[in-house]
């Protein structure tokens, strides 16, 4: 997996078996994906994310991998994980105790 960074667009390459696929993601594409995901609709938005962001000349080669919904989710998850910035986030515990 490789990443090329630009202020607006990030190119991320996923290696699937012996093939490489390059995806172009930007904040608008990722926001559209998250906004279209619902409790009952996760696979179709993930599939759309993959199909709409892969380089056009690689689209036909990617489609056979998108038959299995688990594979679709795994690929979309890998893509989004790589897209996510690396942040050091720490959740502080509240000093007060909840009383039921």
N, C-alpha and C. Protein backbone atom coordinates (compact mmCIF):
# COMPACT_ATOMS: atom_id res chain seq x y z
N UNK A 1 0.85 -1.17 0.00
CA UNK A 1 0.00 0.00 0.00
C UNK A 1 0.89 1.23 0.00
N UNK A 2 0.67 2.11 -0.97
CA UNK A 2 1.45 3.34 -1.04
C UNK A 2 0.50 4.52 -1.10
N UNK A 3 1.00 5.67 -0.66
CA UNK A 3 0.19 6.88 -0.63
C UNK A 3 0.98 8.04 -1.20
N UNK A 4 0.33 8.82 -2.07
CA UNK A 4 0.88 10.07 -2.56
C UNK A 4 -0.02 11.16 -2.04
N UNK A 5 0.56 12.18 -1.40
CA UNK A 5 -0.23 13.21 -0.76
C UNK A 5 -0.19 14.52 -1.53
N UNK A 6 -1.35 15.13 -1.65
CA UNK A 6 -1.53 16.46 -2.21
C UNK A 6 -2.47 17.14 -1.23
N UNK A 7 -2.49 18.47 -1.20
CA UNK A 7 -3.37 19.16 -0.27
C UNK A 7 -4.83 18.76 -0.46
N UNK A 8 -5.28 18.62 -1.70
CA UNK A 8 -6.69 18.36 -1.96
C UNK A 8 -6.98 16.88 -2.23
N UNK A 9 -6.07 16.20 -2.89
CA UNK A 9 -6.32 14.83 -3.32
C UNK A 9 -5.21 13.92 -2.82
N UNK A 10 -5.60 12.74 -2.35
CA UNK A 10 -4.60 11.73 -1.97
C UNK A 10 -4.76 10.53 -2.87
N UNK A 11 -3.66 10.09 -3.45
CA UNK A 11 -3.65 8.87 -4.24
C UNK A 11 -3.16 7.74 -3.35
N UNK A 12 -3.95 6.69 -3.29
CA UNK A 12 -3.62 5.53 -2.45
C UNK A 12 -3.64 4.30 -3.33
N UNK A 13 -2.59 3.52 -3.27
CA UNK A 13 -2.50 2.31 -4.08
C UNK A 13 -2.66 1.10 -3.17
N UNK A 14 -3.63 0.26 -3.50
CA UNK A 14 -3.85 -1.00 -2.80
C UNK A 14 -3.36 -2.14 -3.69
N UNK A 15 -2.66 -3.08 -3.10
CA UNK A 15 -2.23 -4.27 -3.82
C UNK A 15 -3.18 -5.40 -3.45
N UNK A 16 -3.83 -5.95 -4.47
CA UNK A 16 -4.77 -7.06 -4.26
C UNK A 16 -4.22 -8.24 -5.06
N UNK A 17 -3.73 -9.23 -4.35
CA UNK A 17 -3.07 -10.34 -5.03
C UNK A 17 -1.83 -9.81 -5.74
N UNK A 18 -1.78 -9.99 -7.04
CA UNK A 18 -0.64 -9.51 -7.83
C UNK A 18 -0.94 -8.21 -8.55
N UNK A 19 -2.13 -7.65 -8.34
CA UNK A 19 -2.53 -6.43 -9.04
C UNK A 19 -2.49 -5.23 -8.11
N UNK A 20 -2.18 -4.07 -8.68
CA UNK A 20 -2.21 -2.82 -7.93
C UNK A 20 -3.32 -1.94 -8.48
N UNK A 21 -4.02 -1.28 -7.57
CA UNK A 21 -5.09 -0.37 -7.93
C UNK A 21 -4.85 0.96 -7.22
N UNK A 22 -4.94 2.04 -7.97
CA UNK A 22 -4.73 3.37 -7.42
C UNK A 22 -6.06 4.10 -7.33
N UNK A 23 -6.32 4.65 -6.16
CA UNK A 23 -7.56 5.37 -5.89
C UNK A 23 -7.22 6.82 -5.58
N UNK A 24 -8.07 7.73 -6.03
CA UNK A 24 -7.91 9.15 -5.72
C UNK A 24 -9.03 9.57 -4.78
N UNK A 25 -8.66 9.95 -3.57
CA UNK A 25 -9.64 10.37 -2.58
C UNK A 25 -9.42 11.83 -2.19
N UNK A 26 -10.53 12.50 -1.91
CA UNK A 26 -10.49 13.85 -1.39
C UNK A 26 -11.57 13.97 -0.32
N UNK A 27 -11.58 15.03 0.45
CA UNK A 27 -12.56 15.15 1.54
C UNK A 27 -14.01 15.04 1.07
N UNK A 28 -14.32 15.56 -0.10
CA UNK A 28 -15.70 15.51 -0.60
C UNK A 28 -16.15 14.07 -0.88
N UNK A 29 -15.26 13.28 -1.47
CA UNK A 29 -15.58 11.88 -1.78
C UNK A 29 -15.80 11.09 -0.50
N UNK A 30 -14.92 11.29 0.47
CA UNK A 30 -15.04 10.56 1.74
C UNK A 30 -16.29 10.99 2.49
N UNK A 31 -16.59 12.28 2.49
CA UNK A 31 -17.81 12.78 3.15
C UNK A 31 -19.05 12.19 2.49
N UNK A 32 -19.07 12.13 1.17
CA UNK A 32 -20.20 11.54 0.45
C UNK A 32 -20.38 10.07 0.85
N UNK A 33 -19.27 9.35 0.97
CA UNK A 33 -19.35 7.95 1.39
C UNK A 33 -19.97 7.83 2.78
N UNK A 34 -19.46 8.59 3.75
CA UNK A 34 -19.99 8.50 5.11
C UNK A 34 -21.46 8.93 5.17
N UNK A 35 -21.82 9.95 4.44
CA UNK A 35 -23.21 10.42 4.45
C UNK A 35 -24.17 9.44 3.80
N UNK A 36 -23.69 8.61 2.89
CA UNK A 36 -24.58 7.65 2.22
C UNK A 36 -24.67 6.32 2.97
N UNK A 37 -23.82 6.12 3.95
CA UNK A 37 -23.84 4.89 4.74
C UNK A 37 -24.92 4.96 5.80
N UNK A 38 -25.76 3.94 5.85
CA UNK A 38 -26.81 3.85 6.86
C UNK A 38 -26.71 2.49 7.55
N UNK A 39 -27.54 2.29 8.56
CA UNK A 39 -27.53 1.02 9.28
C UNK A 39 -27.84 -0.15 8.35
N UNK A 40 -28.73 0.06 7.38
CA UNK A 40 -29.13 -1.01 6.48
C UNK A 40 -28.43 -0.94 5.12
N UNK A 41 -27.54 0.02 4.92
CA UNK A 41 -26.92 0.22 3.61
C UNK A 41 -25.45 0.57 3.79
N UNK A 42 -24.61 -0.46 3.78
CA UNK A 42 -23.18 -0.24 3.94
C UNK A 42 -22.37 -0.68 2.73
N UNK A 43 -22.78 -1.77 2.10
CA UNK A 43 -22.01 -2.35 1.01
C UNK A 43 -22.09 -1.48 -0.25
N UNK A 44 -23.28 -1.02 -0.61
CA UNK A 44 -23.43 -0.21 -1.83
C UNK A 44 -22.59 1.07 -1.77
N UNK A 45 -22.61 1.84 -0.66
CA UNK A 45 -21.74 3.02 -0.60
C UNK A 45 -20.25 2.65 -0.68
N UNK A 46 -19.85 1.55 -0.07
CA UNK A 46 -18.45 1.13 -0.13
C UNK A 46 -18.08 0.75 -1.56
N UNK A 47 -18.97 0.03 -2.23
CA UNK A 47 -18.75 -0.34 -3.63
C UNK A 47 -18.62 0.92 -4.49
N UNK A 48 -19.52 1.87 -4.28
CA UNK A 48 -19.48 3.13 -5.05
C UNK A 48 -18.19 3.89 -4.79
N UNK A 49 -17.73 3.91 -3.54
CA UNK A 49 -16.47 4.57 -3.21
C UNK A 49 -15.32 3.97 -4.01
N UNK A 50 -15.26 2.66 -4.04
CA UNK A 50 -14.18 1.98 -4.74
C UNK A 50 -14.25 2.21 -6.25
N UNK A 51 -15.44 2.02 -6.83
CA UNK A 51 -15.60 2.14 -8.28
C UNK A 51 -15.39 3.58 -8.74
N UNK A 52 -15.85 4.54 -7.96
CA UNK A 52 -15.76 5.94 -8.38
C UNK A 52 -14.41 6.60 -8.12
N UNK A 53 -13.56 5.97 -7.31
CA UNK A 53 -12.27 6.59 -7.01
C UNK A 53 -11.08 5.86 -7.61
N UNK A 54 -11.28 4.62 -8.10
CA UNK A 54 -10.18 3.91 -8.74
C UNK A 54 -9.89 4.58 -10.08
N UNK A 55 -8.63 4.53 -10.52
CA UNK A 55 -8.30 5.10 -11.82
C UNK A 55 -9.15 4.41 -12.89
N UNK A 56 -9.64 5.20 -13.83
CA UNK A 56 -10.60 4.70 -14.81
C UNK A 56 -10.09 3.49 -15.59
N UNK A 57 -8.81 3.48 -15.93
CA UNK A 57 -8.27 2.36 -16.70
C UNK A 57 -8.10 1.09 -15.87
N UNK A 58 -8.33 1.18 -14.54
CA UNK A 58 -8.23 0.00 -13.66
C UNK A 58 -9.60 -0.50 -13.22
N UNK A 59 -10.65 0.22 -13.57
CA UNK A 59 -12.00 -0.10 -13.09
C UNK A 59 -12.45 -1.51 -13.49
N UNK A 60 -12.26 -1.89 -14.73
CA UNK A 60 -12.70 -3.21 -15.20
C UNK A 60 -11.97 -4.33 -14.46
N UNK A 61 -10.69 -4.12 -14.17
CA UNK A 61 -9.91 -5.14 -13.45
C UNK A 61 -10.31 -5.24 -11.99
N UNK A 62 -10.84 -4.14 -11.42
CA UNK A 62 -11.25 -4.13 -10.02
C UNK A 62 -12.60 -4.84 -9.82
N UNK A 63 -13.49 -4.72 -10.79
CA UNK A 63 -14.87 -5.21 -10.62
C UNK A 63 -14.99 -6.68 -10.19
N UNK A 64 -14.17 -7.60 -10.68
CA UNK A 64 -14.30 -8.99 -10.19
C UNK A 64 -14.08 -9.13 -8.68
N UNK A 65 -13.31 -8.23 -8.08
CA UNK A 65 -13.08 -8.29 -6.64
C UNK A 65 -14.27 -7.76 -5.85
N UNK A 66 -15.21 -7.10 -6.53
CA UNK A 66 -16.33 -6.46 -5.85
C UNK A 66 -17.59 -7.32 -5.83
N UNK A 67 -17.47 -8.58 -6.23
CA UNK A 67 -18.62 -9.49 -6.23
C UNK A 67 -18.99 -9.90 -4.81
N UNK A 68 -17.99 -10.10 -3.97
CA UNK A 68 -18.21 -10.53 -2.60
C UNK A 68 -18.33 -9.30 -1.70
N UNK A 69 -19.46 -9.14 -0.98
CA UNK A 69 -19.64 -7.95 -0.14
C UNK A 69 -18.61 -7.83 0.98
N UNK A 70 -18.09 -8.93 1.47
CA UNK A 70 -17.08 -8.88 2.52
C UNK A 70 -15.79 -8.29 1.95
N UNK A 71 -15.45 -8.67 0.73
CA UNK A 71 -14.27 -8.13 0.08
C UNK A 71 -14.43 -6.63 -0.16
N UNK A 72 -15.62 -6.22 -0.57
CA UNK A 72 -15.90 -4.80 -0.79
C UNK A 72 -15.64 -4.02 0.50
N UNK A 73 -16.16 -4.53 1.61
CA UNK A 73 -15.99 -3.84 2.89
C UNK A 73 -14.52 -3.83 3.33
N UNK A 74 -13.81 -4.94 3.09
CA UNK A 74 -12.40 -5.01 3.46
C UNK A 74 -11.57 -4.01 2.66
N UNK A 75 -11.83 -3.92 1.36
CA UNK A 75 -11.09 -2.99 0.52
C UNK A 75 -11.40 -1.54 0.88
N UNK A 76 -12.67 -1.23 1.08
CA UNK A 76 -13.05 0.14 1.45
C UNK A 76 -12.44 0.49 2.81
N UNK A 77 -12.45 -0.46 3.74
CA UNK A 77 -11.87 -0.22 5.06
C UNK A 77 -10.38 0.06 4.98
N UNK A 78 -9.66 -0.70 4.15
CA UNK A 78 -8.23 -0.49 3.99
C UNK A 78 -7.96 0.88 3.37
N UNK A 79 -8.78 1.24 2.40
CA UNK A 79 -8.62 2.54 1.74
C UNK A 79 -8.85 3.69 2.71
N UNK A 80 -9.92 3.60 3.49
CA UNK A 80 -10.23 4.67 4.44
C UNK A 80 -9.22 4.72 5.59
N UNK A 81 -8.74 3.58 6.01
CA UNK A 81 -7.73 3.56 7.08
C UNK A 81 -6.46 4.26 6.62
N UNK A 82 -6.07 4.02 5.38
CA UNK A 82 -4.87 4.66 4.85
C UNK A 82 -5.11 6.16 4.62
N UNK A 83 -6.33 6.53 4.26
CA UNK A 83 -6.66 7.94 4.02
C UNK A 83 -6.67 8.75 5.31
N UNK A 84 -7.04 8.11 6.39
CA UNK A 84 -7.16 8.80 7.68
C UNK A 84 -5.82 9.36 8.13
N UNK A 85 -5.82 10.62 8.59
CA UNK A 85 -4.55 11.17 9.08
C UNK A 85 -4.14 10.49 10.37
N UNK A 86 -2.86 10.49 10.62
CA UNK A 86 -2.34 9.90 11.85
C UNK A 86 -2.40 10.94 12.95
N UNK A 87 -3.26 10.70 13.91
CA UNK A 87 -3.43 11.61 15.03
C UNK A 87 -3.17 10.88 16.34
N UNK A 88 -2.64 11.59 17.30
CA UNK A 88 -2.49 11.04 18.64
C UNK A 88 -3.69 11.51 19.46
N UNK A 89 -4.66 10.63 19.63
CA UNK A 89 -5.88 10.97 20.36
C UNK A 89 -5.92 10.16 21.65
N UNK A 90 -6.13 10.86 22.75
CA UNK A 90 -6.24 10.21 24.05
C UNK A 90 -7.56 10.65 24.67
N UNK A 91 -8.35 9.68 25.10
CA UNK A 91 -9.60 9.97 25.78
C UNK A 91 -9.32 10.03 27.26
N UNK A 92 -9.57 11.16 27.87
CA UNK A 92 -9.35 11.34 29.29
C UNK A 92 -10.57 10.83 30.06
N UNK A 93 -10.33 10.16 31.13
CA UNK A 93 -11.40 9.65 31.98
C UNK A 93 -11.95 10.80 32.81
N UNK A 94 -13.24 10.78 32.96
CA UNK A 94 -13.88 11.81 33.79
C UNK A 94 -13.56 11.54 35.26
N UNK A 95 -13.35 12.59 36.01
CA UNK A 95 -13.03 12.42 37.43
C UNK A 95 -14.28 12.13 38.26
N UNK A 96 -15.45 12.48 37.72
CA UNK A 96 -16.67 12.21 38.47
C UNK A 96 -17.17 10.81 38.14
N UNK A 97 -17.81 10.19 39.12
CA UNK A 97 -18.35 8.86 38.95
C UNK A 97 -19.84 8.95 38.68
N UNK A 98 -20.31 8.22 37.68
CA UNK A 98 -21.73 8.22 37.38
C UNK A 98 -22.47 7.41 38.43
N UNK A 99 -23.60 7.94 38.89
CA UNK A 99 -24.42 7.25 39.88
C UNK A 99 -25.74 6.93 39.22
N UNK A 100 -26.13 5.65 39.27
CA UNK A 100 -27.37 5.22 38.64
C UNK A 100 -28.53 5.37 39.58
